[in-house]
Amino acid sequence: MACLAQIEDSDAADENVDELPFSSHRALQLMAKEDWLSSYAQIDEIADVLLRMSRRARQPNPLANGEQEFLADVDGFTNDFHEWLDDTKEFCRSRQVK
């Protein structure tokens, strides 16, 4: 969880917020202040978020109960996540000012 503390450090978030669309600034500040990321460490919390997201959508969608799809292939999702994380780290390194 040390990584989450670094990600959610509001000073660090404030430093880089201008890199993102203005419309996302408020949500990012709330994410840091309310520790949103650590809630995704529990499957029940993920299920709750997916259910709330499904209710916001205008069209019927499969988000509600999406945690069941994850639980059916945890290894596959884990591998996808690590591949995405590696790509994200490389992208961030390429954008750093030298």
Foldseek 3Di string as FASTA:
>chain_A
DVVLLVQLVLVVCVVCVVVDDPVCNVVSVCCSVVVVVVLVVDLVSCLVVLVVVQVPDPDHDDSRVCSVVCVVCVPVVVVVVVVVVVVVVVVVVVPDDD
